[in-house]
Amino acid sequence: MVTRVESQKPKFDYVLWFLIIVLIAGGVSGHYYFADQSWGIRFLGWLIVGAAALGLAYKTKAGRIAWQYGQESLQEVRKVYWPTRQETVQTTLAVLAMVVVMGILLWTADFFLLRAVAWLTGHWSM
């Protein structure tokens, strides 16, 4: 489901982005100004500033495109086949078994190659 985002005057977008920057800068300065307050109060302030900034960003053309992208991504995630617990466990066990088998094979190959190199170089005393 692809929908078009209506065109909007870019000058108005610039004003909104400027307000977003001012809002975030005010949040940063307020965070340090109220440094003697508890972290909970400052966190609540950041939640309010963040919600306001996101609300303003949604009003811009880029913000609506990002929101639309997020909605379409959620629709695609709902279409994904998620494995059951049993399938996940079985696949994990198969991967672990292959790791163990390959580890043993590589260790064996390394052991024999090390012995062959030691024999060829005359350092057989290993």
PDB file of N, CA and C in Angstrom:
ATOM      1  N   MET A   1       0.841  -1.165   0.000  1.00  0.00           N
ATOM      2  CA  MET A   1       0.000   0.000   0.000  1.00  0.00           C
ATOM      3  C   MET A   1       0.888   1.231   0.000  1.00  0.00           C
ATOM      4  N   VAL A   2       1.103   1.795  -1.154  1.00  0.00           N
ATOM      5  CA  VAL A   2       1.936   2.973  -1.283  1.00  0.00           C
ATOM      6  C   VAL A   2       1.032   4.175  -1.484  1.00  0.00           C
ATOM      7  N   THR A   3       1.181   5.153  -0.616  1.00  0.00           N
ATOM      8  CA  THR A   3       0.416   6.386  -0.744  1.00  0.00           C
ATOM      9  C   THR A   3       1.382   7.529  -0.942  1.00  0.00           C
ATOM     10  N   ARG A   4       0.903   8.537  -1.593  1.00  0.00           N
ATOM     11  CA  ARG A   4       1.737   9.710  -1.853  1.00  0.00           C
ATOM     12  C   ARG A   4       1.623  10.696  -0.702  1.00  0.00           C
ATOM     13  N   VAL A   5       2.728  11.300  -0.359  1.00  0.00           N
ATOM     14  CA  VAL A   5       2.723  12.353   0.636  1.00  0.00           C
ATOM     15  C   VAL A   5       2.503  13.658  -0.113  1.00  0.00           C
ATOM     16  N   GLU A   6       1.478  14.402   0.331  1.00  0.00           N
ATOM     17  CA  GLU A   6       1.153  15.626  -0.387  1.00  0.00           C
ATOM     18  C   GLU A   6       2.300  16.622  -0.299  1.00  0.00           C
ATOM     19  N   SER A   7       2.434  17.403  -1.346  1.00  0.00           N
ATOM     20  CA  SER A   7       3.529  18.373  -1.379  1.00  0.00           C
ATOM     21  C   SER A   7       3.216  19.509  -0.423  1.00  0.00           C
ATOM     22  N   GLN A   8       4.246  20.093   0.100  1.00  0.00           N
ATOM     23  CA  GLN A   8       4.121  21.136   1.088  1.00  0.00           C
ATOM     24  C   GLN A   8       5.168  22.184   0.760  1.00  0.00           C
ATOM     25  N   LYS A   9       4.924  23.416   1.127  1.00  0.00           N
ATOM     26  CA  LYS A   9       5.886  24.467   0.842  1.00  0.00           C
ATOM     27  C   LYS A   9       7.166  24.232   1.635  1.00  0.00           C
ATOM     28  N   PRO A  10       8.316  24.177   0.947  1.00  0.00           N
ATOM     29  CA  PRO A  10       9.573  23.901   1.654  1.00  0.00           C
ATOM     30  C   PRO A  10       9.928  24.964   2.679  1.00  0.00           C
ATOM     31  N   LYS A  11       9.519  26.220   2.461  1.00  0.00           N
ATOM     32  CA  LYS A  11       9.866  27.271   3.427  1.00  0.00           C
ATOM     33  C   LYS A  11       9.247  26.978   4.784  1.00  0.00           C
ATOM     34  N   PHE A  12       8.035  26.454   4.785  1.00  0.00           N
ATOM     35  CA  PHE A  12       7.392  26.109   6.038  1.00  0.00           C
ATOM     36  C   PHE A  12       8.137  24.964   6.722  1.00  0.00           C
ATOM     37  N   ASP A  13       8.660  24.035   5.940  1.00  0.00           N
ATOM     38  CA  ASP A  13       9.460  22.944   6.496  1.00  0.00           C
ATOM     39  C   ASP A  13      10.711  23.487   7.184  1.00  0.00           C
ATOM     40  N   TYR A  14      11.358  24.467   6.574  1.00  0.00           N
ATOM     41  CA  TYR A  14      12.561  25.045   7.177  1.00  0.00           C
ATOM     42  C   TYR A  14      12.235  25.679   8.527  1.00  0.00           C
ATOM     43  N   VAL A  15      11.087  26.338   8.616  1.00  0.00           N
ATOM     44  CA  VAL A  15      10.681  26.947   9.886  1.00  0.00           C
ATOM     45  C   VAL A  15      10.464  25.866  10.936  1.00  0.00           C
ATOM     46  N   LEU A  16       9.798  24.787  10.545  1.00  0.00           N
ATOM     47  CA  LEU A  16       9.567  23.701  11.498  1.00  0.00           C
ATOM     48  C   LEU A  16      10.872  23.055  11.951  1.00  0.00           C
ATOM     49  N   TRP A  17      11.802  22.814  11.024  1.00  0.00           N
ATOM     50  CA  TRP A  17      13.087  22.226  11.415  1.00  0.00           C
ATOM     51  C   TRP A  17      13.863  23.164  12.328  1.00  0.00           C
ATOM     52  N   PHE A  18      13.765  24.477  12.067  1.00  0.00           N
ATOM     53  CA  PHE A  18      14.418  25.447  12.952  1.00  0.00           C
ATOM     54  C   PHE A  18      13.805  25.375  14.351  1.00  0.00           C
ATOM     55  N   LEU A  19      12.472  25.271  14.429  1.00  0.00           N
ATOM     56  CA  LEU A  19      11.813  25.155  15.736  1.00  0.00           C
ATOM     57  C   LEU A  19      12.210  23.866  16.452  1.00  0.00           C
ATOM     58  N   ILE A  20      12.370  22.787  15.695  1.00  0.00           N
ATOM     59  CA  ILE A  20      12.800  21.521  16.296  1.00  0.00           C
ATOM     60  C   ILE A  20      14.199  21.667  16.891  1.00  0.00           C
ATOM     61  N   ILE A  21      15.101  22.312  16.151  1.00  0.00           N
ATOM     62  CA  ILE A  21      16.471  22.511  16.647  1.00  0.00           C
ATOM     63  C   ILE A  21      16.461  23.383  17.892  1.00  0.00           C
ATOM     64  N   VAL A  22      15.661  24.455  17.874  1.00  0.00           N
ATOM     65  CA  VAL A  22      15.560  25.334  19.046  1.00  0.00           C
ATOM     66  C   VAL A  22      14.989  24.562  20.236  1.00  0.00           C
ATOM     67  N   LEU A  23      13.991  23.715  19.977  1.00  0.00           N
ATOM     68  CA  LEU A  23      13.387  22.934  21.047  1.00  0.00           C
ATOM     69  C   LEU A  23      14.390  21.969  21.664  1.00  0.00           C
ATOM     70  N   ILE A  24      15.159  21.286  20.833  1.00  0.00           N
ATOM     71  CA  ILE A  24      16.161  20.351  21.352  1.00  0.00           C
ATOM     72  C   ILE A  24      17.275  21.103  22.084  1.00  0.00           C
ATOM     73  N   ALA A  25      17.701  22.231  21.540  1.00  0.00           N
ATOM     74  CA  ALA A  25      18.724  23.037  22.224  1.00  0.00           C
ATOM     75  C   ALA A  25      18.199  23.518  23.577  1.00  0.00           C
ATOM     76  N   GLY A  26      16.929  23.894  23.617  1.00  0.00           N
ATOM     77  CA  GLY A  26      16.326  24.287  24.895  1.00  0.00           C
ATOM     78  C   GLY A  26      16.273  23.122  25.866  1.00  0.00           C
ATOM     79  N   GLY A  27      16.014  21.915  25.345  1.00  0.00           N
ATOM     80  CA  GLY A  27      16.009  20.727  26.198  1.00  0.00           C
ATOM     81  C   GLY A  27      17.378  20.441  26.775  1.00  0.00           C
ATOM     82  N   VAL A  28      18.421  20.603  25.957  1.00  0.00           N
ATOM     83  CA  VAL A  28      19.789  20.377  26.447  1.00  0.00           C
ATOM     84  C   VAL A  28      20.147  21.414  27.510  1.00  0.00           C
ATOM     85  N   SER A  29      19.863  22.679  27.226  1.00  0.00           N
ATOM     86  CA  SER A  29      20.198  23.713  28.211  1.00  0.00           C
ATOM     87  C   SER A  29      19.368  23.532  29.480  1.00  0.00           C
ATOM     88  N   GLY A  30      18.100  23.152  29.352  1.00  0.00           N
ATOM     89  CA  GLY A  30      17.272  22.902  30.528  1.00  0.00           C
ATOM     90  C   GLY A  30      17.773  21.720  31.336  1.00  0.00           C
ATOM     91  N   HIS A  31      18.286  20.710  30.635  1.00  0.00           N
ATOM     92  CA  HIS A  31      18.843  19.537  31.319  1.00  0.00           C
ATOM     93  C   HIS A  31      20.002  19.942  32.218  1.00  0.00           C
ATOM     94  N   TYR A  32      20.861  20.816  31.731  1.00  0.00           N
ATOM     95  CA  TYR A  32      21.999  21.242  32.542  1.00  0.00           C
ATOM     96  C   TYR A  32      21.605  22.306  33.560  1.00  0.00           C
ATOM     97  N   TYR A  33      20.621  23.129  33.235  1.00  0.00           N
ATOM     98  CA  TYR A  33      20.170  24.159  34.168  1.00  0.00           C
ATOM     99  C   TYR A  33      19.535  23.518  35.401  1.00  0.00           C
ATOM    100  N   PHE A  34      18.782  22.443  35.176  1.00  0.00           N
ATOM    101  CA  PHE A  34      18.127  21.748  36.273  1.00  0.00           C
ATOM    102  C   PHE A  34      18.917  20.522  36.720  1.00  0.00           C
ATOM    103  N   ALA A  35      20.236  20.606  36.675  1.00  0.00           N
ATOM    104  CA  ALA A  35      21.090  19.472  37.033  1.00  0.00           C
ATOM    105  C   ALA A  35      20.918  19.065  38.495  1.00  0.00           C
ATOM    106  N   ASP A  36      20.480  20.006  39.353  1.00  0.00           N
ATOM    107  CA  ASP A  36      20.319  19.668  40.767  1.00  0.00           C
ATOM    108  C   ASP A  36      18.999  18.928  41.026  1.00  0.00           C
ATOM    109  N   GLN A  37      18.132  18.842  40.035  1.00  0.00           N
ATOM    110  CA  GLN A  37      16.879  18.107  40.173  1.00  0.00           C
ATOM    111  C   GLN A  37      17.125  16.607  39.973  1.00  0.00           C
ATOM    112  N   SER A  38      16.171  15.798  40.366  1.00  0.00           N
ATOM    113  CA  SER A  38      16.332  14.353  40.219  1.00  0.00           C
ATOM    114  C   SER A  38      16.308  13.970  38.746  1.00  0.00           C
ATOM    115  N   TRP A  39      16.882  12.799  38.450  1.00  0.00           N
ATOM    116  CA  TRP A  39      16.941  12.353  37.063  1.00  0.00           C
ATOM    117  C   TRP A  39      15.548  12.076  36.518  1.00  0.00           C
ATOM    118  N   GLY A  40      14.614  11.707  37.366  1.00  0.00           N
ATOM    119  CA  GLY A  40      13.251  11.426  36.925  1.00  0.00           C
ATOM    120  C   GLY A  40      12.562  12.651  36.354  1.00  0.00           C
ATOM    121  N   ILE A  41      12.753  13.781  37.013  1.00  0.00           N
ATOM    122  CA  ILE A  41      12.154  15.025  36.524  1.00  0.00           C
ATOM    123  C   ILE A  41      12.797  15.438  35.207  1.00  0.00           C
ATOM    124  N   ARG A  42      14.122  15.321  35.136  1.00  0.00           N
ATOM    125  CA  ARG A  42      14.794  15.675  33.877  1.00  0.00           C
ATOM    126  C   ARG A  42      14.412  14.715  32.766  1.00  0.00           C
ATOM    127  N   PHE A  43      14.219  13.430  33.095  1.00  0.00           N
ATOM    128  CA  PHE A  43      13.786  12.462  32.089  1.00  0.00           C
ATOM    129  C   PHE A  43      12.379  12.791  31.595  1.00  0.00           C
ATOM    130  N   LEU A  44      11.513  13.174  32.501  1.00  0.00           N
ATOM    131  CA  LEU A  44      10.162  13.586  32.104  1.00  0.00           C
ATOM    132  C   LEU A  44      10.229  14.807  31.185  1.00  0.00           C
ATOM    133  N   GLY A  45      11.136  15.726  31.498  1.00  0.00           N
ATOM    134  CA  GLY A  45      11.329  16.886  30.620  1.00  0.00           C
ATOM    135  C   GLY A  45      11.778  16.462  29.230  1.00  0.00           C
ATOM    136  N   TRP A  46      12.692  15.487  29.164  1.00  0.00           N
ATOM    137  CA  TRP A  46      13.150  14.992  27.856  1.00  0.00           C
ATOM    138  C   TRP A  46      12.029  14.300  27.103  1.00  0.00           C
ATOM    139  N   LEU A  47      11.160  13.589  27.822  1.00  0.00           N
ATOM    140  CA  LEU A  47      10.022  12.962  27.157  1.00  0.00           C
ATOM    141  C   LEU A  47       9.105  14.007  26.538  1.00  0.00           C
ATOM    142  N   ILE A  48       8.879  15.080  27.264  1.00  0.00           N
ATOM    143  CA  ILE A  48       8.017  16.149  26.740  1.00  0.00           C
ATOM    144  C   ILE A  48       8.674  16.823  25.546  1.00  0.00           C
ATOM    145  N   VAL A  49       9.961  17.150  25.672  1.00  0.00           N
ATOM    146  CA  VAL A  49      10.682  17.780  24.559  1.00  0.00           C
ATOM    147  C   VAL A  49      10.717  16.849  23.353  1.00  0.00           C
ATOM    148  N   GLY A  50      10.984  15.558  23.582  1.00  0.00           N
ATOM    149  CA  GLY A  50      11.032  14.605  22.480  1.00  0.00           C
ATOM    150  C   GLY A  50       9.691  14.462  21.786  1.00  0.00           C
ATOM    151  N   ALA A  51       8.609  14.399  22.565  1.00  0.00           N
ATOM    152  CA  ALA A  51       7.276  14.284  21.969  1.00  0.00           C
ATOM    153  C   ALA A  51       6.943  15.525  21.145  1.00  0.00           C
ATOM    154  N   ALA A  52       7.298  16.689  21.666  1.00  0.00           N
ATOM    155  CA  ALA A  52       7.034  17.923  20.928  1.00  0.00           C
ATOM    156  C   ALA A  52       7.862  17.982  19.649  1.00  0.00           C
ATOM    157  N   ALA A  53       9.124  17.580  19.730  1.00  0.00           N
ATOM    158  CA  ALA A  53       9.991  17.597  18.539  1.00  0.00           C
ATOM    159  C   ALA A  53       9.491  16.603  17.497  1.00  0.00           C
ATOM    160  N   LEU A  54       9.074  15.414  17.940  1.00  0.00           N
ATOM    161  CA  LEU A  54       8.537  14.432  16.994  1.00  0.00           C
ATOM    162  C   LEU A  54       7.231  14.918  16.374  1.00  0.00           C
ATOM    163  N   GLY A  55       6.403  15.578  17.172  1.00  0.00           N
ATOM    164  CA  GLY A  55       5.155  16.133  16.645  1.00  0.00           C
ATOM    165  C   GLY A  55       5.412  17.181  15.579  1.00  0.00           C
ATOM    166  N   LEU A  56       6.391  18.038  15.837  1.00  0.00           N
ATOM    167  CA  LEU A  56       6.743  19.046  14.826  1.00  0.00           C
ATOM    168  C   LEU A  56       7.373  18.394  13.601  1.00  0.00           C
ATOM    169  N   ALA A  57       8.207  17.374  13.824  1.00  0.00           N
ATOM    170  CA  ALA A  57       8.859  16.704  12.698  1.00  0.00           C
ATOM    171  C   ALA A  57       7.838  16.004  11.819  1.00  0.00           C
ATOM    172  N   TYR A  58       6.764  15.494  12.418  1.00  0.00           N
ATOM    173  CA  TYR A  58       5.731  14.830  11.619  1.00  0.00           C
ATOM    174  C   TYR A  58       5.044  15.806  10.671  1.00  0.00           C
ATOM    175  N   LYS A  59       5.015  17.061  11.038  1.00  0.00           N
ATOM    176  CA  LYS A  59       4.355  18.064  10.199  1.00  0.00           C
ATOM    177  C   LYS A  59       5.165  18.403   8.950  1.00  0.00           C
ATOM    178  N   THR A  60       6.434  17.989   8.906  1.00  0.00           N
ATOM    179  CA  THR A  60       7.252  18.268   7.734  1.00  0.00           C
ATOM    180  C   THR A  60       7.060  17.169   6.694  1.00  0.00           C
ATOM    181  N   LYS A  61       7.472  17.453   5.482  1.00  0.00           N
ATOM    182  CA  LYS A  61       7.354  16.475   4.408  1.00  0.00           C
ATOM    183  C   LYS A  61       8.230  15.252   4.702  1.00  0.00           C
ATOM    184  N   ALA A  62       9.471  15.498   5.142  1.00  0.00           N
ATOM    185  CA  ALA A  62      10.376  14.397   5.469  1.00  0.00           C
ATOM    186  C   ALA A  62       9.834  13.568   6.630  1.00  0.00           C
ATOM    187  N   GLY A  63       9.201  14.213   7.585  1.00  0.00           N
ATOM    188  CA  GLY A  63       8.631  13.498   8.713  1.00  0.00           C
ATOM    189  C   GLY A  63       7.482  12.597   8.295  1.00  0.00           C
ATOM    190  N   ARG A  64       6.650  13.071   7.382  1.00  0.00           N
ATOM    191  CA  ARG A  64       5.546  12.237   6.900  1.00  0.00           C
ATOM    192  C   ARG A  64       6.064  11.068   6.077  1.00  0.00           C
ATOM    193  N   ILE A  65       7.111  11.305   5.304  1.00  0.00           N
ATOM    194  CA  ILE A  65       7.707  10.205   4.531  1.00  0.00           C
ATOM    195  C   ILE A  65       8.280   9.163   5.479  1.00  0.00           C
ATOM    196  N   ALA A  66       8.956   9.604   6.541  1.00  0.00           N
ATOM    197  CA  ALA A  66       9.527   8.668   7.522  1.00  0.00           C
ATOM    198  C   ALA A  66       8.411   7.897   8.232  1.00  0.00           C
ATOM    199  N   TRP A  67       7.320   8.572   8.582  1.00  0.00           N
ATOM    200  CA  TRP A  67       6.190   7.896   9.237  1.00  0.00           C
ATOM    201  C   TRP A  67       5.588   6.854   8.299  1.00  0.00           C
ATOM    202  N   GLN A  68       5.418   7.217   7.040  1.00  0.00           N
ATOM    203  CA  GLN A  68       4.872   6.295   6.049  1.00  0.00           C
ATOM    204  C   GLN A  68       5.784   5.084   5.887  1.00  0.00           C
ATOM    205  N   TYR A  69       7.090   5.321   5.850  1.00  0.00           N
ATOM    206  CA  TYR A  69       8.057   4.222   5.749  1.00  0.00           C
ATOM    207  C   TYR A  69       7.936   3.294   6.953  1.00  0.00           C
ATOM    208  N   GLY A  70       7.797   3.866   8.133  1.00  0.00           N
ATOM    209  CA  GLY A  70       7.642   3.056   9.338  1.00  0.00           C
ATOM    210  C   GLY A  70       6.378   2.216   9.299  1.00  0.00           C
ATOM    211  N   GLN A  71       5.284   2.793   8.834  1.00  0.00           N
ATOM    212  CA  GLN A  71       4.028   2.048   8.728  1.00  0.00           C
ATOM    213  C   GLN A  71       4.148   0.897   7.737  1.00  0.00           C
ATOM    214  N   GLU A  72       4.778   1.160   6.596  1.00  0.00           N
ATOM    215  CA  GLU A  72       4.957   0.104   5.594  1.00  0.00           C
ATOM    216  C   GLU A  72       5.902  -0.982   6.103  1.00  0.00           C
ATOM    217  N   SER A  73       6.910  -0.589   6.886  1.00  0.00           N
ATOM    218  CA  SER A  73       7.821  -1.577   7.468  1.00  0.00           C
ATOM    219  C   SER A  73       7.085  -2.481   8.450  1.00  0.00           C
ATOM    220  N   LEU A  74       6.207  -1.908   9.254  1.00  0.00           N
ATOM    221  CA  LEU A  74       5.419  -2.726  10.181  1.00  0.00           C
ATOM    222  C   LEU A  74       4.526  -3.710   9.431  1.00  0.00           C
ATOM    223  N   GLN A  75       3.961  -3.283   8.314  1.00  0.00           N
ATOM    224  CA  GLN A  75       3.150  -4.194   7.512  1.00  0.00           C
ATOM    225  C   GLN A  75       3.988  -5.353   6.995  1.00  0.00           C
ATOM    226  N   GLU A  76       5.217  -5.078   6.583  1.00  0.00           N
ATOM    227  CA  GLU A  76       6.093  -6.139   6.084  1.00  0.00           C
ATOM    228  C   GLU A  76       6.521  -7.086   7.200  1.00  0.00           C
ATOM    229  N   VAL A  77       6.753  -6.544   8.399  1.00  0.00           N
ATOM    230  CA  VAL A  77       7.147  -7.394   9.527  1.00  0.00           C
ATOM    231  C   VAL A  77       6.014  -8.349   9.885  1.00  0.00           C
ATOM    232  N   ARG A  78       4.787  -7.895   9.731  1.00  0.00           N
ATOM    233  CA  ARG A  78       3.649  -8.779  10.022  1.00  0.00           C
ATOM    234  C   ARG A  78       3.560  -9.927   9.028  1.00  0.00           C
ATOM    235  N   LYS A  79       4.135  -9.768   7.845  1.00  0.00           N
ATOM    236  CA  LYS A  79       4.101 -10.809   6.831  1.00  0.00           C
ATOM    237  C   LYS A  79       5.201 -11.853   7.019  1.00  0.00           C
ATOM    238  N   VAL A  80       6.159 -11.574   7.874  1.00  0.00           N
ATOM    239  CA  VAL A  80       7.307 -12.456   8.060  1.00  0.00           C
ATOM    240  C   VAL A  80       6.873 -13.726   8.769  1.00  0.00           C
ATOM    241  N   TYR A  81       7.425 -14.866   8.324  1.00  0.00           N
ATOM    242  CA  TYR A  81       7.181 -16.143   9.000  1.00  0.00           C
ATOM    243  C   TYR A  81       8.154 -16.246  10.162  1.00  0.00           C
ATOM    244  N   TRP A  82       7.642 -16.275  11.368  1.00  0.00           N
ATOM    245  CA  TRP A  82       8.473 -16.405  12.548  1.00  0.00           C
ATOM    246  C   TRP A  82       8.472 -17.872  12.973  1.00  0.00           C
ATOM    247  N   PRO A  83       9.656 -18.468  13.162  1.00  0.00           N
ATOM    248  CA  PRO A  83       9.708 -19.891  13.529  1.00  0.00           C
ATOM    249  C   PRO A  83       9.146 -20.129  14.926  1.00  0.00           C
ATOM    250  N   THR A  84       8.655 -21.349  15.096  1.00  0.00           N
ATOM    251  CA  THR A  84       8.149 -21.728  16.424  1.00  0.00           C
ATOM    252  C   THR A  84       9.331 -21.997  17.351  1.00  0.00           C
ATOM    253  N   ARG A  85       9.035 -22.169  18.618  1.00  0.00           N
ATOM    254  CA  ARG A  85      10.094 -22.454  19.591  1.00  0.00           C
ATOM    255  C   ARG A  85      10.792 -23.765  19.238  1.00  0.00           C
ATOM    256  N   GLN A  86      10.017 -24.779  18.855  1.00  0.00           N
ATOM    257  CA  GLN A  86      10.597 -26.079  18.522  1.00  0.00           C
ATOM    258  C   GLN A  86      11.529 -25.959  17.312  1.00  0.00           C
ATOM    259  N   GLU A  87      11.120 -25.228  16.290  1.00  0.00           N
ATOM    260  CA  GLU A  87      11.971 -25.046  15.112  1.00  0.00           C
ATOM    261  C   GLU A  87      13.255 -24.306  15.469  1.00  0.00           C
ATOM    262  N   THR A  88      13.139 -23.312  16.342  1.00  0.00           N
ATOM    263  CA  THR A  88      14.314 -22.555  16.760  1.00  0.00           C
ATOM    264  C   THR A  88      15.289 -23.444  17.527  1.00  0.00           C
ATOM    265  N   VAL A  89      14.777 -24.249  18.441  1.00  0.00           N
ATOM    266  CA  VAL A  89      15.637 -25.142  19.226  1.00  0.00           C
ATOM    267  C   VAL A  89      16.309 -26.162  18.315  1.00  0.00           C
ATOM    268  N   GLN A  90      15.549 -26.754  17.392  1.00  0.00           N
ATOM    269  CA  GLN A  90      16.119 -27.748  16.489  1.00  0.00           C
ATOM    270  C   GLN A  90      17.205 -27.142  15.607  1.00  0.00           C
ATOM    271  N   THR A  91      16.968 -25.954  15.091  1.00  0.00           N
ATOM    272  CA  THR A  91      17.968 -25.303  14.249  1.00  0.00           C
ATOM    273  C   THR A  91      19.213 -24.957  15.055  1.00  0.00           C
ATOM    274  N   THR A  92      19.017 -24.491  16.269  1.00  0.00           N
ATOM    275  CA  THR A  92      20.155 -24.157  17.130  1.00  0.00           C
ATOM    276  C   THR A  92      20.985 -25.394  17.429  1.00  0.00           C
ATOM    277  N   LEU A  93      20.321 -26.504  17.735  1.00  0.00           N
ATOM    278  CA  LEU A  93      21.051 -27.746  18.018  1.00  0.00           C
ATOM    279  C   LEU A  93      21.793 -28.239  16.783  1.00  0.00           C
ATOM    280  N   ALA A  94      21.190 -28.102  15.600  1.00  0.00           N
ATOM    281  CA  ALA A  94      21.872 -28.513  14.375  1.00  0.00           C
ATOM    282  C   ALA A  94      23.116 -27.651  14.138  1.00  0.00           C
ATOM    283  N   VAL A  95      23.019 -26.363  14.384  1.00  0.00           N
ATOM    284  CA  VAL A  95      24.175 -25.477  14.213  1.00  0.00           C
ATOM    285  C   VAL A  95      25.263 -25.843  15.209  1.00  0.00           C
ATOM    286  N   LEU A  96      24.898 -26.078  16.468  1.00  0.00           N
ATOM    287  CA  LEU A  96      25.895 -26.450  17.471  1.00  0.00           C
ATOM    288  C   LEU A  96      26.572 -27.768  17.107  1.00  0.00           C
ATOM    289  N   ALA A  97      25.806 -28.736  16.625  1.00  0.00           N
ATOM    290  CA  ALA A  97      26.393 -30.018  16.224  1.00  0.00           C
ATOM    291  C   ALA A  97      27.391 -29.814  15.085  1.00  0.00           C
ATOM    292  N   MET A  98      27.052 -28.989  14.106  1.00  0.00           N
ATOM    293  CA  MET A  98      27.968 -28.736  12.991  1.00  0.00           C
ATOM    294  C   MET A  98      29.222 -28.000  13.460  1.00  0.00           C
ATOM    295  N   VAL A  99      29.076 -27.097  14.406  1.00  0.00           N
ATOM    296  CA  VAL A  99      30.243 -26.396  14.944  1.00  0.00           C
ATOM    297  C   VAL A  99      31.170 -27.378  15.636  1.00  0.00           C
ATOM    298  N   VAL A 100      30.616 -28.301  16.422  1.00  0.00           N
ATOM    299  CA  VAL A 100      31.434 -29.299  17.112  1.00  0.00           C
ATOM    300  C   VAL A 100      32.130 -30.207  16.105  1.00  0.00           C
ATOM    301  N   VAL A 101      31.388 -30.690  15.099  1.00  0.00           N
ATOM    302  CA  VAL A 101      31.972 -31.574  14.092  1.00  0.00           C
ATOM    303  C   VAL A 101      33.087 -30.858  13.340  1.00  0.00           C
ATOM    304  N   MET A 102      32.837 -29.641  12.899  1.00  0.00           N
ATOM    305  CA  MET A 102      33.868 -28.901  12.151  1.00  0.00           C
ATOM    306  C   MET A 102      35.053 -28.580  13.057  1.00  0.00           C
ATOM    307  N   GLY A 103      34.803 -28.304  14.337  1.00  0.00           N
ATOM    308  CA  GLY A 103      35.898 -28.057  15.266  1.00  0.00           C
ATOM    309  C   GLY A 103      36.792 -29.267  15.420  1.00  0.00           C
ATOM    310  N   ILE A 104      36.173 -30.431  15.529  1.00  0.00           N
ATOM    311  CA  ILE A 104      36.953 -31.672  15.650  1.00  0.00           C
ATOM    312  C   ILE A 104      37.742 -31.937  14.369  1.00  0.00           C
ATOM    313  N   LEU A 105      37.090 -31.750  13.218  1.00  0.00           N
ATOM    314  CA  LEU A 105      37.789 -31.969  11.948  1.00  0.00           C
ATOM    315  C   LEU A 105      38.969 -31.006  11.776  1.00  0.00           C
ATOM    316  N   LEU A 106      38.770 -29.740  12.088  1.00  0.00           N
ATOM    317  CA  LEU A 106      39.862 -28.777  11.946  1.00  0.00           C
ATOM    318  C   LEU A 106      40.969 -29.032  12.963  1.00  0.00           C
ATOM    319  N   TRP A 107      40.600 -29.433  14.184  1.00  0.00           N
ATOM    320  CA  TRP A 107      41.618 -29.748  15.175  1.00  0.00           C
ATOM    321  C   TRP A 107      42.442 -30.953  14.722  1.00  0.00           C
ATOM    322  N   THR A 108      41.759 -31.954  14.172  1.00  0.00           N
ATOM    323  CA  THR A 108      42.467 -33.141  13.681  1.00  0.00           C
ATOM    324  C   THR A 108      43.401 -32.775  12.536  1.00  0.00           C
ATOM    325  N   ALA A 109      42.915 -31.994  11.595  1.00  0.00           N
ATOM    326  CA  ALA A 109      43.755 -31.576  10.472  1.00  0.00           C
ATOM    327  C   ALA A 109      44.947 -30.764  10.966  1.00  0.00           C
ATOM    328  N   ASP A 110      44.715 -29.874  11.909  1.00  0.00           N
ATOM    329  CA  ASP A 110      45.800 -29.069  12.459  1.00  0.00           C
ATOM    330  C   ASP A 110      46.826 -29.954  13.158  1.00  0.00           C
ATOM    331  N   PHE A 111      46.357 -30.922  13.921  1.00  0.00           N
ATOM    332  CA  PHE A 111      47.248 -31.831  14.636  1.00  0.00           C
ATOM    333  C   PHE A 111      48.165 -32.567  13.659  1.00  0.00           C
ATOM    334  N   PHE A 112      47.569 -33.149  12.606  1.00  0.00           N
ATOM    335  CA  PHE A 112      48.380 -33.921  11.661  1.00  0.00           C
ATOM    336  C   PHE A 112      49.272 -33.028  10.811  1.00  0.00           C
ATOM    337  N   LEU A 113      48.803 -31.851  10.444  1.00  0.00           N
ATOM    338  CA  LEU A 113      49.663 -30.936   9.681  1.00  0.00           C
ATOM    339  C   LEU A 113      50.826 -30.435  10.535  1.00  0.00           C
ATOM    340  N   LEU A 114      50.577 -30.179  11.796  1.00  0.00           N
ATOM    341  CA  LEU A 114      51.653 -29.761  12.695  1.00  0.00           C
ATOM    342  C   LEU A 114      52.703 -30.860  12.806  1.00  0.00           C
ATOM    343  N   ARG A 115      52.256 -32.107  12.937  1.00  0.00           N
ATOM    344  CA  ARG A 115      53.198 -33.234  13.015  1.00  0.00           C
ATOM    345  C   ARG A 115      53.962 -33.397  11.705  1.00  0.00           C
ATOM    346  N   ALA A 116      53.286 -33.214  10.581  1.00  0.00           N
ATOM    347  CA  ALA A 116      53.961 -33.351   9.284  1.00  0.00           C
ATOM    348  C   ALA A 116      55.009 -32.261   9.105  1.00  0.00           C
ATOM    349  N   VAL A 117      54.690 -31.038   9.483  1.00  0.00           N
ATOM    350  CA  VAL A 117      55.660 -29.946   9.351  1.00  0.00           C
ATOM    351  C   VAL A 117      56.824 -30.189  10.305  1.00  0.00           C
ATOM    352  N   ALA A 118      56.533 -30.639  11.521  1.00  0.00           N
ATOM    353  CA  ALA A 118      57.610 -30.933  12.473  1.00  0.00           C
ATOM    354  C   ALA A 118      58.512 -32.040  11.937  1.00  0.00           C
ATOM    355  N   TRP A 119      57.946 -33.050  11.314  1.00  0.00           N
ATOM    356  CA  TRP A 119      58.737 -34.143  10.754  1.00  0.00           C
ATOM    357  C   TRP A 119      59.573 -33.650   9.579  1.00  0.00           C
ATOM    358  N   LEU A 120      58.961 -32.794   8.723  1.00  0.00           N
ATOM    359  CA  LEU A 120      59.699 -32.294   7.547  1.00  0.00           C
ATOM    360  C   LEU A 120      60.814 -31.343   7.944  1.00  0.00           C
ATOM    361  N   THR A 121      60.674 -30.599   8.992  1.00  0.00           N
ATOM    362  CA  THR A 121      61.698 -29.633   9.415  1.00  0.00           C
ATOM    363  C   THR A 121      62.678 -30.210  10.407  1.00  0.00           C
ATOM    364  N   GLY A 122      62.486 -31.437  10.808  1.00  0.00           N
ATOM    365  CA  GLY A 122      63.426 -32.073  11.713  1.00  0.00           C
ATOM    366  C   GLY A 122      63.180 -31.767  13.182  1.00  0.00           C
ATOM    367  N   HIS A 123      62.069 -31.230  13.507  1.00  0.00           N
ATOM    368  CA  HIS A 123      61.731 -30.921  14.910  1.00  0.00           C
ATOM    369  C   HIS A 123      60.739 -31.942  15.431  1.00  0.00           C
ATOM    370  N   TRP A 124      61.017 -33.188  15.241  1.00  0.00           N
ATOM    371  CA  TRP A 124      60.094 -34.250  15.583  1.00  0.00           C
ATOM    372  C   TRP A 124      59.992 -34.468  17.085  1.00  0.00           C
ATOM    373  N   SER A 125      60.774 -33.780  17.884  1.00  0.00           N
ATOM    374  CA  SER A 125      60.796 -34.014  19.323  1.00  0.00           C
ATOM    375  C   SER A 125      59.564 -33.470  20.024  1.00  0.00           C
ATOM    376  N   MET A 126      58.640 -32.915  19.303  1.00  0.00           N
ATOM    377  CA  MET A 126      57.433 -32.339  19.903  1.00  0.00           C
ATOM    378  C   MET A 126      56.577 -33.388  20.559  1.00  0.00           C
TER     379      MET A 126
END
